[in-house]
PDB file of all heavy atoms in Angstrom:
ATOM      1  N   ARG A   1     -32.955 -63.413 -54.706  1.00  0.00           N
ATOM      2  CA  ARG A   1     -33.210 -64.376 -53.608  1.00  0.00           C
ATOM      3  C   ARG A   1     -34.655 -64.784 -53.578  1.00  0.00           C
ATOM      4  O   ARG A   1     -35.018 -65.909 -53.380  1.00  0.00           O
ATOM      5  CB  ARG A   1     -32.746 -63.753 -52.282  1.00  0.00           C
ATOM      6  CG  ARG A   1     -32.824 -64.717 -51.138  1.00  0.00           C
ATOM      7  CD  ARG A   1     -32.439 -64.072 -49.813  1.00  0.00           C
ATOM      8  NE  ARG A   1     -31.116 -63.488 -49.883  1.00  0.00           N
ATOM      9  CZ  ARG A   1     -30.855 -62.233 -49.672  1.00  0.00           C
ATOM     10  NH1 ARG A   1     -31.838 -61.372 -49.393  1.00  0.00           N
ATOM     11  NH2 ARG A   1     -29.601 -61.820 -49.738  1.00  0.00           N
ATOM     12  N   LYS A   2     -35.513 -63.803 -53.844  1.00  0.00           N
ATOM     13  CA  LYS A   2     -36.996 -64.043 -53.857  1.00  0.00           C
ATOM     14  C   LYS A   2     -37.335 -65.075 -54.919  1.00  0.00           C
ATOM     15  O   LYS A   2     -38.207 -65.900 -54.773  1.00  0.00           O
ATOM     16  CB  LYS A   2     -37.713 -62.741 -54.081  1.00  0.00           C
ATOM     17  CG  LYS A   2     -39.193 -62.830 -54.247  1.00  0.00           C
ATOM     18  CD  LYS A   2     -39.768 -61.416 -54.545  1.00  0.00           C
ATOM     19  CE  LYS A   2     -41.285 -61.524 -54.818  1.00  0.00           C
ATOM     20  NZ  LYS A   2     -41.807 -60.148 -55.155  1.00  0.00           N
ATOM     21  N   TYR A   3     -36.628 -65.004 -56.100  1.00  0.00           N
ATOM     22  CA  TYR A   3     -36.922 -65.887 -57.221  1.00  0.00           C
ATOM     23  C   TYR A   3     -36.056 -67.133 -57.225  1.00  0.00           C
ATOM     24  O   TYR A   3     -36.218 -67.960 -58.163  1.00  0.00           O
ATOM     25  CB  TYR A   3     -36.778 -65.137 -58.537  1.00  0.00           C
ATOM     26  CG  TYR A   3     -37.727 -63.958 -58.701  1.00  0.00           C
ATOM     27  CD1 TYR A   3     -37.285 -62.769 -59.308  1.00  0.00           C
ATOM     28  CD2 TYR A   3     -39.014 -64.016 -58.275  1.00  0.00           C
ATOM     29  CE1 TYR A   3     -38.148 -61.718 -59.490  1.00  0.00           C
ATOM     30  CE2 TYR A   3     -39.917 -62.978 -58.459  1.00  0.00           C
ATOM     31  CZ  TYR A   3     -39.455 -61.773 -59.066  1.00  0.00           C
ATOM     32  OH  TYR A   3     -40.305 -60.757 -59.238  1.00  0.00           O
ATOM     33  N   GLY A   4     -35.169 -67.279 -56.278  1.00  0.00           N
ATOM     34  CA  GLY A   4     -34.335 -68.423 -56.273  1.00  0.00           C
ATOM     35  C   GLY A   4     -33.223 -68.385 -57.311  1.00  0.00           C
ATOM     36  O   GLY A   4     -32.724 -69.428 -57.798  1.00  0.00           O
ATOM     37  N   ILE A   5     -32.839 -67.175 -57.709  1.00  0.00           N
ATOM     38  CA  ILE A   5     -31.771 -66.963 -58.706  1.00  0.00           C
ATOM     39  C   ILE A   5     -30.479 -66.622 -57.999  1.00  0.00           C
ATOM     40  O   ILE A   5     -30.441 -65.778 -57.111  1.00  0.00           O
ATOM     41  CB  ILE A   5     -32.155 -65.808 -59.706  1.00  0.00           C
ATOM     42  CG1 ILE A   5     -33.422 -66.176 -60.442  1.00  0.00           C
ATOM     43  CG2 ILE A   5     -31.000 -65.526 -60.632  1.00  0.00           C
ATOM     44  CD1 ILE A   5     -33.969 -65.060 -61.316  1.00  0.00           C
ATOM     45  N   LYS A   6     -29.382 -67.266 -58.370  1.00  0.00           N
ATOM     46  CA  LYS A   6     -28.079 -66.972 -57.826  1.00  0.00           C
ATOM     47  C   LYS A   6     -27.666 -65.584 -58.230  1.00  0.00           C
ATOM     48  O   LYS A   6     -27.810 -65.226 -59.401  1.00  0.00           O
ATOM     49  CB  LYS A   6     -27.064 -67.994 -58.374  1.00  0.00           C
ATOM     50  CG  LYS A   6     -25.649 -67.775 -57.930  1.00  0.00           C
ATOM     51  CD  LYS A   6     -24.737 -68.890 -58.523  1.00  0.00           C
ATOM     52  CE  LYS A   6     -23.285 -68.663 -58.240  1.00  0.00           C
ATOM     53  NZ  LYS A   6     -22.450 -69.682 -58.831  1.00  0.00           N
ATOM     54  N   HIS A   7     -27.165 -64.766 -57.271  1.00  0.00           N
ATOM     55  CA  HIS A   7     -26.864 -63.374 -57.535  1.00  0.00           C
ATOM     56  C   HIS A   7     -25.391 -63.063 -57.322  1.00  0.00           C
ATOM     57  O   HIS A   7     -24.856 -63.372 -56.278  1.00  0.00           O
ATOM     58  CB  HIS A   7     -27.704 -62.497 -56.645  1.00  0.00           C
ATOM     59  CG  HIS A   7     -27.520 -60.981 -56.881  1.00  0.00           C
ATOM     60  ND1 HIS A   7     -26.490 -60.257 -56.372  1.00  0.00           N
ATOM     61  CD2 HIS A   7     -28.291 -60.090 -57.644  1.00  0.00           C
ATOM     62  CE1 HIS A   7     -26.601 -58.997 -56.773  1.00  0.00           C
ATOM     63  NE2 HIS A   7     -27.701 -58.872 -57.543  1.00  0.00           N
ATOM     64  N   ILE A   8     -24.794 -62.489 -58.348  1.00  0.00           N
ATOM     65  CA  ILE A   8     -23.382 -62.091 -58.249  1.00  0.00           C
ATOM     66  C   ILE A   8     -23.289 -60.608 -58.629  1.00  0.00           C
ATOM     67  O   ILE A   8     -23.859 -60.203 -59.625  1.00  0.00           O
ATOM     68  CB  ILE A   8     -22.476 -62.902 -59.239  1.00  0.00           C
ATOM     69  CG1 ILE A   8     -22.636 -64.416 -58.963  1.00  0.00           C
ATOM     70  CG2 ILE A   8     -21.009 -62.468 -59.119  1.00  0.00           C
ATOM     71  CD1 ILE A   8     -22.150 -64.884 -57.609  1.00  0.00           C
ATOM     72  N   TRP A   9     -22.557 -59.845 -57.816  1.00  0.00           N
ATOM     73  CA  TRP A   9     -22.375 -58.398 -58.125  1.00  0.00           C
ATOM     74  C   TRP A   9     -20.905 -58.129 -58.292  1.00  0.00           C
ATOM     75  O   TRP A   9     -20.097 -58.372 -57.405  1.00  0.00           O
ATOM     76  CB  TRP A   9     -22.992 -57.536 -57.017  1.00  0.00           C
ATOM     77  CG  TRP A   9     -23.092 -56.070 -57.403  1.00  0.00           C
ATOM     78  CD1 TRP A   9     -22.359 -55.034 -56.968  1.00  0.00           C
ATOM     79  CD2 TRP A   9     -24.051 -55.514 -58.320  1.00  0.00           C
ATOM     80  NE1 TRP A   9     -22.785 -53.866 -57.547  1.00  0.00           N
ATOM     81  CE2 TRP A   9     -23.823 -54.116 -58.401  1.00  0.00           C
ATOM     82  CE3 TRP A   9     -25.074 -56.086 -59.118  1.00  0.00           C
ATOM     83  CZ2 TRP A   9     -24.574 -53.298 -59.198  1.00  0.00           C
ATOM     84  CZ3 TRP A   9     -25.833 -55.223 -59.907  1.00  0.00           C
ATOM     85  CH2 TRP A   9     -25.589 -53.847 -59.968  1.00  0.00           C
ATOM     86  N   ALA A  10     -20.567 -57.678 -59.516  1.00  0.00           N
ATOM     87  CA  ALA A  10     -19.152 -57.427 -59.842  1.00  0.00           C
ATOM     88  C   ALA A  10     -18.849 -55.952 -59.820  1.00  0.00           C
ATOM     89  O   ALA A  10     -19.340 -55.199 -60.679  1.00  0.00           O
ATOM     90  CB  ALA A  10     -18.835 -57.971 -61.212  1.00  0.00           C
ATOM     91  N   ARG A  11     -18.069 -55.502 -58.797  1.00  0.00           N
ATOM     92  CA  ARG A  11     -17.708 -54.080 -58.746  1.00  0.00           C
ATOM     93  C   ARG A  11     -16.427 -53.897 -59.581  1.00  0.00           C
ATOM     94  O   ARG A  11     -15.347 -54.324 -59.191  1.00  0.00           O
ATOM     95  CB  ARG A  11     -17.466 -53.635 -57.294  1.00  0.00           C
ATOM     96  CG  ARG A  11     -18.782 -53.510 -56.552  1.00  0.00           C
ATOM     97  CD  ARG A  11     -18.592 -53.024 -55.122  1.00  0.00           C
ATOM     98  NE  ARG A  11     -19.930 -52.866 -54.502  1.00  0.00           N
ATOM     99  CZ  ARG A  11     -20.111 -52.825 -53.209  1.00  0.00           C
ATOM    100  NH1 ARG A  11     -19.101 -52.980 -52.380  1.00  0.00           N
ATOM    101  NH2 ARG A  11     -21.341 -52.681 -52.718  1.00  0.00           N
ATOM    102  N   ILE A  12     -16.631 -53.314 -60.761  1.00  0.00           N
ATOM    103  CA  ILE A  12     -15.551 -53.228 -61.764  1.00  0.00           C
ATOM    104  C   ILE A  12     -14.751 -51.959 -61.632  1.00  0.00           C
ATOM    105  O   ILE A  12     -15.354 -50.852 -61.492  1.00  0.00           O
ATOM    106  CB  ILE A  12     -16.175 -53.324 -63.175  1.00  0.00           C
ATOM    107  CG1 ILE A  12     -17.028 -54.593 -63.296  1.00  0.00           C
ATOM    108  CG2 ILE A  12     -15.141 -53.269 -64.280  1.00  0.00           C
ATOM    109  CD1 ILE A  12     -17.847 -54.653 -64.585  1.00  0.00           C
ATOM    110  N   LEU A  13     -13.442 -52.104 -61.621  1.00  0.00           N
ATOM    111  CA  LEU A  13     -12.553 -50.965 -61.564  1.00  0.00           C
ATOM    112  C   LEU A  13     -12.312 -50.425 -62.982  1.00  0.00           C
ATOM    113  O   LEU A  13     -13.170 -50.542 -63.844  1.00  0.00           O
ATOM    114  CB  LEU A  13     -11.250 -51.290 -60.843  1.00  0.00           C
ATOM    115  CG  LEU A  13     -11.311 -51.154 -59.308  1.00  0.00           C
ATOM    116  CD1 LEU A  13     -12.289 -52.236 -58.701  1.00  0.00           C
ATOM    117  CD2 LEU A  13      -9.958 -51.296 -58.659  1.00  0.00           C
ATOM    118  N   SER A  14     -11.137 -49.866 -63.281  1.00  0.00           N
ATOM    119  CA  SER A  14     -10.847 -49.316 -64.563  1.00  0.00           C
ATOM    120  C   SER A  14     -10.503 -50.332 -65.588  1.00  0.00           C
ATOM    121  O   SER A  14      -9.460 -51.013 -65.468  1.00  0.00           O
ATOM    122  CB  SER A  14      -9.735 -48.271 -64.449  1.00  0.00           C
ATOM    123  OG  SER A  14     -10.113 -47.234 -63.568  1.00  0.00           O
ATOM    124  N   VAL A  15     -11.325 -50.465 -66.610  1.00  0.00           N
ATOM    125  CA  VAL A  15     -11.128 -51.494 -67.664  1.00  0.00           C
ATOM    126  C   VAL A  15     -10.816 -50.720 -68.949  1.00  0.00           C
ATOM    127  O   VAL A  15     -11.384 -49.693 -69.251  1.00  0.00           O
ATOM    128  CB  VAL A  15     -12.367 -52.353 -67.846  1.00  0.00           C
ATOM    129  CG1 VAL A  15     -12.198 -53.238 -69.078  1.00  0.00           C
ATOM    130  CG2 VAL A  15     -12.571 -53.182 -66.613  1.00  0.00           C
ATOM    131  N   TYR A  16      -9.841 -51.245 -69.769  1.00  0.00           N
ATOM    132  CA  TYR A  16      -9.521 -50.628 -71.032  1.00  0.00           C
ATOM    133  C   TYR A  16      -9.479 -51.737 -72.100  1.00  0.00           C
ATOM    134  O   TYR A  16      -9.405 -52.932 -71.778  1.00  0.00           O
ATOM    135  CB  TYR A  16      -8.188 -49.925 -70.998  1.00  0.00           C
ATOM    136  CG  TYR A  16      -7.027 -50.912 -70.825  1.00  0.00           C
ATOM    137  CD1 TYR A  16      -6.300 -51.317 -71.899  1.00  0.00           C
ATOM    138  CD2 TYR A  16      -6.712 -51.428 -69.576  1.00  0.00           C
ATOM    139  CE1 TYR A  16      -5.265 -52.216 -71.787  1.00  0.00           C
ATOM    140  CE2 TYR A  16      -5.690 -52.409 -69.436  1.00  0.00           C
ATOM    141  CZ  TYR A  16      -4.975 -52.759 -70.530  1.00  0.00           C
ATOM    142  OH  TYR A  16      -3.982 -53.689 -70.449  1.00  0.00           O
ATOM    143  N   GLY A  17      -9.496 -51.293 -73.348  1.00  0.00           N
ATOM    144  CA  GLY A  17      -9.392 -52.306 -74.452  1.00  0.00           C
ATOM    145  C   GLY A  17     -10.153 -51.891 -75.668  1.00  0.00           C
ATOM    146  O   GLY A  17     -10.830 -50.832 -75.672  1.00  0.00           O
ATOM    147  N   PRO A  18     -10.164 -52.719 -76.684  1.00  0.00           N
ATOM    148  CA  PRO A  18     -10.907 -52.437 -77.923  1.00  0.00           C
ATOM    149  C   PRO A  18     -12.416 -52.197 -77.573  1.00  0.00           C
ATOM    150  O   PRO A  18     -12.973 -52.807 -76.720  1.00  0.00           O
ATOM    151  CB  PRO A  18     -10.733 -53.714 -78.729  1.00  0.00           C
ATOM    152  CG  PRO A  18      -9.371 -54.268 -78.294  1.00  0.00           C
ATOM    153  CD  PRO A  18      -9.332 -53.957 -76.821  1.00  0.00           C
ATOM    154  N   TYR A  19     -12.986 -51.261 -78.333  1.00  0.00           N
ATOM    155  CA  TYR A  19     -14.371 -50.848 -78.230  1.00  0.00           C
ATOM    156  C   TYR A  19     -14.649 -50.007 -76.972  1.00  0.00           C
ATOM    157  O   TYR A  19     -15.817 -49.786 -76.636  1.00  0.00           O
ATOM    158  CB  TYR A  19     -15.307 -52.073 -78.276  1.00  0.00           C
ATOM    159  CG  TYR A  19     -15.191 -52.844 -79.566  1.00  0.00           C
ATOM    160  CD1 TYR A  19     -14.479 -54.025 -79.568  1.00  0.00           C
ATOM    161  CD2 TYR A  19     -15.778 -52.400 -80.735  1.00  0.00           C
ATOM    162  CE1 TYR A  19     -14.300 -54.748 -80.741  1.00  0.00           C
ATOM    163  CE2 TYR A  19     -15.600 -53.105 -81.917  1.00  0.00           C
ATOM    164  CZ  TYR A  19     -14.876 -54.284 -81.896  1.00  0.00           C
ATOM    165  OH  TYR A  19     -14.720 -54.992 -83.102  1.00  0.00           O
ATOM    166  N   ASP A  20     -13.621 -49.602 -76.239  1.00  0.00           N
ATOM    167  CA  ASP A  20     -13.814 -48.719 -75.119  1.00  0.00           C
ATOM    168  C   ASP A  20     -14.249 -47.352 -75.617  1.00  0.00           C
ATOM    169  O   ASP A  20     -13.983 -46.977 -76.772  1.00  0.00           O
ATOM    170  CB  ASP A  20     -12.512 -48.591 -74.314  1.00  0.00           C
ATOM    171  CG  ASP A  20     -12.710 -48.051 -72.939  1.00  0.00           C
ATOM    172  OD1 ASP A  20     -13.858 -47.923 -72.533  1.00  0.00           O
ATOM    173  OD2 ASP A  20     -11.722 -47.814 -72.247  1.00  0.00           O
ATOM    174  N   GLY A  21     -14.933 -46.573 -74.754  1.00  0.00           N
ATOM    175  CA  GLY A  21     -15.331 -45.233 -75.109  1.00  0.00           C
ATOM    176  C   GLY A  21     -14.170 -44.326 -75.416  1.00  0.00           C
ATOM    177  O   GLY A  21     -13.095 -44.414 -74.800  1.00  0.00           O
ATOM    178  N   LYS A  22     -14.347 -43.411 -76.337  1.00  0.00           N
ATOM    179  CA  LYS A  22     -13.213 -42.551 -76.758  1.00  0.00           C
ATOM    180  C   LYS A  22     -12.855 -41.497 -75.740  1.00  0.00           C
ATOM    181  O   LYS A  22     -11.822 -40.805 -75.893  1.00  0.00           O
ATOM    182  CB  LYS A  22     -13.588 -41.889 -78.097  1.00  0.00           C
ATOM    183  CG  LYS A  22     -13.627 -42.869 -79.273  1.00  0.00           C
ATOM    184  CD  LYS A  22     -13.871 -42.190 -80.575  1.00  0.00           C
ATOM    185  CE  LYS A  22     -13.894 -43.200 -81.752  1.00  0.00           C
ATOM    186  NZ  LYS A  22     -14.071 -42.520 -83.050  1.00  0.00           N
ATOM    187  N   ASP A  23     -13.691 -41.305 -74.710  1.00  0.00           N
ATOM    188  CA  ASP A  23     -13.405 -40.277 -73.717  1.00  0.00           C
ATOM    189  C   ASP A  23     -12.662 -40.814 -72.493  1.00  0.00           C
ATOM    190  O   ASP A  23     -12.338 -40.046 -71.598  1.00  0.00           O
ATOM    191  CB  ASP A  23     -14.733 -39.651 -73.248  1.00  0.00           C
ATOM    192  CG  ASP A  23     -15.407 -38.847 -74.336  1.00  0.00           C
ATOM    193  OD1 ASP A  23     -14.678 -38.258 -75.165  1.00  0.00           O
ATOM    194  OD2 ASP A  23     -16.652 -38.824 -74.359  1.00  0.00           O
ATOM    195  N   THR A  24     -12.400 -42.096 -72.416  1.00  0.00           N
ATOM    196  CA  THR A  24     -11.622 -42.644 -71.290  1.00  0.00           C
ATOM    197  C   THR A  24     -10.190 -42.197 -71.406  1.00  0.00           C
ATOM    198  O   THR A  24      -9.680 -41.848 -72.479  1.00  0.00           O
ATOM    199  CB  THR A  24     -11.713 -44.164 -71.257  1.00  0.00           C
ATOM    200  OG1 THR A  24     -11.035 -44.697 -72.416  1.00  0.00           O
ATOM    201  CG2 THR A  24     -13.127 -44.667 -71.171  1.00  0.00           C
ATOM    202  N   MET A  25      -9.461 -42.250 -70.255  1.00  0.00           N
ATOM    203  CA  MET A  25      -8.088 -41.795 -70.304  1.00  0.00           C
ATOM    204  C   MET A  25      -7.243 -42.584 -71.235  1.00  0.00           C
ATOM    205  O   MET A  25      -6.497 -42.066 -72.045  1.00  0.00           O
ATOM    206  CB  MET A  25      -7.478 -41.916 -68.852  1.00  0.00           C
ATOM    207  CG  MET A  25      -6.097 -41.251 -68.698  1.00  0.00           C
ATOM    208  SD  MET A  25      -4.714 -42.106 -69.394  1.00  0.00           S
ATOM    209  CE  MET A  25      -4.503 -43.479 -68.285  1.00  0.00           C
ATOM    210  N   VAL A  26      -7.377 -43.928 -71.215  1.00  0.00           N
ATOM    211  CA  VAL A  26      -6.549 -44.765 -72.061  1.00  0.00           C
ATOM    212  C   VAL A  26      -6.867 -44.539 -73.502  1.00  0.00           C
ATOM    213  O   VAL A  26      -5.943 -44.290 -74.323  1.00  0.00           O
ATOM    214  CB  VAL A  26      -6.735 -46.259 -71.693  1.00  0.00           C
ATOM    215  CG1 VAL A  26      -6.045 -47.173 -72.730  1.00  0.00           C
ATOM    216  CG2 VAL A  26      -6.143 -46.546 -70.286  1.00  0.00           C
ATOM    217  N   MET A  27      -8.109 -44.613 -73.914  1.00  0.00           N
ATOM    218  CA  MET A  27      -8.449 -44.525 -75.330  1.00  0.00           C
ATOM    219  C   MET A  27      -8.211 -43.113 -75.872  1.00  0.00           C
ATOM    220  O   MET A  27      -7.728 -42.948 -77.015  1.00  0.00           O
ATOM    221  CB  MET A  27      -9.925 -44.965 -75.572  1.00  0.00           C
ATOM    222  CG  MET A  27     -10.229 -45.223 -77.021  1.00  0.00           C
ATOM    223  SD  MET A  27      -9.170 -46.498 -77.791  1.00  0.00           S
ATOM    224  CE  MET A  27      -9.949 -47.966 -77.143  1.00  0.00           C
ATOM    225  N   SER A  28      -8.560 -42.118 -75.106  1.00  0.00           N
ATOM    226  CA  SER A  28      -8.310 -40.762 -75.591  1.00  0.00           C
ATOM    227  C   SER A  28      -6.853 -40.455 -75.766  1.00  0.00           C
ATOM    228  O   SER A  28      -6.437 -39.754 -76.708  1.00  0.00           O
ATOM    229  CB  SER A  28      -8.967 -39.713 -74.629  1.00  0.00           C
ATOM    230  OG  SER A  28      -8.310 -39.716 -73.364  1.00  0.00           O
ATOM    231  N   THR A  29      -6.016 -41.041 -74.876  1.00  0.00           N
ATOM    232  CA  THR A  29      -4.567 -40.856 -75.009  1.00  0.00           C
ATOM    233  C   THR A  29      -4.038 -41.547 -76.228  1.00  0.00           C
ATOM    234  O   THR A  29      -3.238 -41.043 -77.001  1.00  0.00           O
ATOM    235  CB  THR A  29      -3.858 -41.383 -73.758  1.00  0.00           C
ATOM    236  OG1 THR A  29      -4.350 -40.668 -72.630  1.00  0.00           O
ATOM    237  CG2 THR A  29      -2.349 -41.229 -73.864  1.00  0.00           C
ATOM    238  N   ILE A  30      -4.504 -42.784 -76.480  1.00  0.00           N
ATOM    239  CA  ILE A  30      -4.107 -43.533 -77.694  1.00  0.00           C
ATOM    240  C   ILE A  30      -4.451 -42.707 -78.925  1.00  0.00           C
ATOM    241  O   ILE A  30      -3.636 -42.533 -79.860  1.00  0.00           O
ATOM    242  CB  ILE A  30      -4.776 -44.873 -77.716  1.00  0.00           C
ATOM    243  CG1 ILE A  30      -4.163 -45.809 -76.645  1.00  0.00           C
ATOM    244  CG2 ILE A  30      -4.630 -45.540 -79.109  1.00  0.00           C
ATOM    245  CD1 ILE A  30      -4.879 -47.146 -76.494  1.00  0.00           C
ATOM    246  N   ILE A  31      -5.685 -42.217 -78.994  1.00  0.00           N
ATOM    247  CA  ILE A  31      -6.132 -41.500 -80.184  1.00  0.00           C
ATOM    248  C   ILE A  31      -5.325 -40.236 -80.400  1.00  0.00           C
ATOM    249  O   ILE A  31      -4.889 -39.952 -81.556  1.00  0.00           O
ATOM    250  CB  ILE A  31      -7.624 -41.188 -80.054  1.00  0.00           C
ATOM    251  CG1 ILE A  31      -8.452 -42.455 -80.053  1.00  0.00           C
ATOM    252  CG2 ILE A  31      -8.087 -40.252 -81.175  1.00  0.00           C
ATOM    253  CD1 ILE A  31      -9.930 -42.268 -79.677  1.00  0.00           C
ATOM    254  N   LYS A  32      -5.127 -39.445 -79.376  1.00  0.00           N
ATOM    255  CA  LYS A  32      -4.354 -38.182 -79.530  1.00  0.00           C
ATOM    256  C   LYS A  32      -2.926 -38.443 -79.941  1.00  0.00           C
ATOM    257  O   LYS A  32      -2.381 -37.738 -80.827  1.00  0.00           O
ATOM    258  CB  LYS A  32      -4.407 -37.397 -78.214  1.00  0.00           C
ATOM    259  CG  LYS A  32      -5.769 -36.755 -77.935  1.00  0.00           C
ATOM    260  CD  LYS A  32      -5.741 -36.007 -76.602  1.00  0.00           C
ATOM    261  CE  LYS A  32      -7.110 -35.325 -76.332  1.00  0.00           C
ATOM    262  NZ  LYS A  32      -7.105 -34.545 -75.089  1.00  0.00           N
ATOM    263  N   LEU A  33      -2.292 -39.439 -79.364  1.00  0.00           N
ATOM    264  CA  LEU A  33      -0.915 -39.697 -79.706  1.00  0.00           C
ATOM    265  C   LEU A  33      -0.790 -40.210 -81.122  1.00  0.00           C
ATOM    266  O   LEU A  33       0.171 -39.893 -81.843  1.00  0.00           O
ATOM    267  CB  LEU A  33      -0.302 -40.674 -78.715  1.00  0.00           C
ATOM    268  CG  LEU A  33      -0.092 -40.168 -77.265  1.00  0.00           C
ATOM    269  CD1 LEU A  33       0.476 -41.264 -76.365  1.00  0.00           C
ATOM    270  CD2 LEU A  33       0.806 -38.922 -77.232  1.00  0.00           C
ATOM    271  N   LEU A  34      -1.716 -41.070 -81.557  1.00  0.00           N
ATOM    272  CA  LEU A  34      -1.694 -41.581 -82.909  1.00  0.00           C
ATOM    273  C   LEU A  34      -1.868 -40.463 -83.956  1.00  0.00           C
ATOM    274  O   LEU A  34      -1.244 -40.475 -85.022  1.00  0.00           O
ATOM    275  CB  LEU A  34      -2.772 -42.654 -83.097  1.00  0.00           C
ATOM    276  CG  LEU A  34      -2.504 -44.055 -82.567  1.00  0.00           C
ATOM    277  CD1 LEU A  34      -3.720 -44.915 -82.705  1.00  0.00           C
ATOM    278  CD2 LEU A  34      -1.294 -44.691 -83.266  1.00  0.00           C
ATOM    279  N   TYR A  35      -2.711 -39.484 -83.625  1.00  0.00           N
ATOM    280  CA  TYR A  35      -2.949 -38.370 -84.539  1.00  0.00           C
ATOM    281  C   TYR A  35      -2.009 -37.209 -84.364  1.00  0.00           C
ATOM    282  O   TYR A  35      -2.206 -36.141 -84.937  1.00  0.00           O
ATOM    283  CB  TYR A  35      -4.389 -37.916 -84.393  1.00  0.00           C
ATOM    284  CG  TYR A  35      -5.378 -38.847 -85.120  1.00  0.00           C
ATOM    285  CD1 TYR A  35      -5.924 -39.913 -84.429  1.00  0.00           C
ATOM    286  CD2 TYR A  35      -5.730 -38.622 -86.413  1.00  0.00           C
ATOM    287  CE1 TYR A  35      -6.823 -40.764 -85.072  1.00  0.00           C
ATOM    288  CE2 TYR A  35      -6.631 -39.466 -87.099  1.00  0.00           C
ATOM    289  CZ  TYR A  35      -7.163 -40.511 -86.378  1.00  0.00           C
ATOM    290  OH  TYR A  35      -8.075 -41.353 -87.017  1.00  0.00           O
TER     291      TYR A  35
END
């Protein structure tokens, strides 16, 4: 606001998909089941 820049804050819930960390529930489950 001080600099006149529009500000948006995105509160992100649980996201999954390619390039996700291997320790997340979704990716770790995919990896274990595949192996």
